[in-house]
Amino acid sequence: MSTNVHGTSKGSTILWATLILATILTWSIGALGETGRWGVAALAVISFWKGAVIILDFMALRHAPLLWRAITMGWMILVWAVIAIAYIKGLAQ
């Protein structure tokens, strides 16, 4: 029995719908003006999750060689680390 390493169309549709809901949630947080630490943390967690879903599932890297996953996820982690440092430095002023 062969398994589809790229998932199913139903699974992809559910992930896509979840990404849309997450986008609406992040937009809502911004529209409400939630600029406190908890609001920013929620935005960061949601967008990091969205990036991981896109990289691993929609770019089909979940079952790719470790090097490719490490490069793409590492890049996202690096970008988020720079954003977090800039945010924390901005709070200190």
Protein backbone atom coordinates (compact mmCIF):
# COMPACT_ATOMS: atom_id res chain seq x y z
CA MET A 1 0.00 0.00 0.00
CA SER A 2 1.47 3.29 -1.07
CA THR A 3 0.97 6.45 0.93
CA ASN A 4 0.78 9.91 -0.50
CA VAL A 5 3.59 11.89 1.14
CA HIS A 6 1.96 15.13 0.06
CA GLY A 7 -1.25 14.52 1.98
CA THR A 8 -4.75 14.44 0.62
CA SER A 9 -6.79 17.10 -1.11
CA LYS A 10 -9.19 17.07 1.86
CA GLY A 11 -6.29 17.60 4.28
CA SER A 12 -4.90 20.42 2.14
CA THR A 13 -8.32 22.06 1.99
CA ILE A 14 -8.68 21.89 5.77
CA LEU A 15 -5.20 23.38 6.21
CA TRP A 16 -6.01 26.11 3.68
CA ALA A 17 -9.25 26.97 5.50
CA THR A 18 -7.38 27.03 8.81
CA LEU A 19 -4.81 29.40 7.28
CA ILE A 20 -7.63 31.67 6.12
CA LEU A 21 -9.15 31.67 9.63
CA ALA A 22 -5.73 32.42 11.13
CA THR A 23 -5.32 35.32 8.70
CA ILE A 24 -8.73 36.71 9.68
CA LEU A 25 -7.78 36.31 13.36
CA THR A 26 -4.50 38.20 12.92
CA TRP A 27 -6.28 40.91 10.96
CA SER A 28 -8.87 41.18 13.75
CA ILE A 29 -6.18 41.51 16.40
CA GLY A 30 -4.63 44.35 14.41
CA ALA A 31 -7.97 46.00 13.68
CA LEU A 32 -8.77 45.98 17.40
CA GLY A 33 -5.48 47.77 18.05
CA GLU A 34 -4.08 45.06 20.29
CA THR A 35 -0.53 46.41 20.50
CA GLY A 36 0.34 45.08 23.95
CA ARG A 37 2.79 42.28 24.55
CA TRP A 38 0.10 39.58 24.56
CA GLY A 39 -1.37 40.82 21.30
CA VAL A 40 2.03 40.91 19.64
CA ALA A 41 2.88 37.47 21.05
CA ALA A 42 -0.38 36.08 19.64
CA LEU A 43 0.38 37.58 16.23
CA ALA A 44 3.90 36.12 16.30
CA VAL A 45 2.74 32.63 17.28
CA ILE A 46 -0.03 32.56 14.69
CA SER A 47 2.16 33.84 11.88
CA PHE A 48 4.99 31.45 12.80
CA TRP A 49 2.52 28.56 12.68
CA LYS A 50 1.24 29.78 9.32
CA GLY A 51 4.79 29.93 7.96
CA ALA A 52 5.52 26.40 9.18
CA VAL A 53 2.33 25.07 7.55
CA ILE A 54 3.20 26.75 4.27
CA ILE A 55 6.79 25.51 4.32
CA LEU A 56 6.09 21.97 5.45
CA ASP A 57 2.77 21.24 3.76
CA PHE A 58 2.18 23.56 0.82
CA MET A 59 5.84 23.58 -0.25
CA ALA A 60 5.76 19.81 0.41
CA LEU A 61 8.89 19.80 2.55
CA ARG A 62 7.46 17.78 5.44
CA HIS A 63 9.00 14.59 4.03
CA ALA A 64 11.89 16.26 2.20
CA PRO A 65 15.50 15.68 3.20
CA LEU A 66 16.43 17.23 6.55
CA LEU A 67 18.74 19.75 4.90
CA TRP A 68 15.88 21.39 2.96
CA ARG A 69 13.64 21.53 6.02
CA ALA A 70 16.48 22.92 8.12
CA ILE A 71 17.26 25.63 5.57
CA THR A 72 13.67 26.81 5.13
CA MET A 73 12.61 26.53 8.77
CA GLY A 74 15.95 27.97 9.88
CA TRP A 75 15.41 30.97 7.63
CA MET A 76 11.99 31.58 9.14
CA ILE A 77 13.39 31.23 12.66
CA LEU A 78 16.18 33.69 11.81
CA VAL A 79 13.71 36.24 10.44
CA TRP A 80 11.51 35.89 13.54
CA ALA A 81 14.54 36.22 15.82
CA VAL A 82 15.46 39.51 14.13
CA ILE A 83 11.87 40.74 14.44
CA ALA A 84 11.76 39.72 18.13
CA ILE A 85 15.08 41.47 18.85
CA ALA A 86 13.88 44.64 17.13
CA TYR A 87 10.60 44.53 19.06
CA ILE A 88 12.29 43.96 22.42
CA LYS A 89 14.84 46.73 21.72
CA GLY A 90 11.95 49.03 20.80
CA LEU A 91 10.26 48.30 24.13
CA ALA A 92 13.43 49.20 26.01
CA GLN A 93 13.43 52.77 24.69
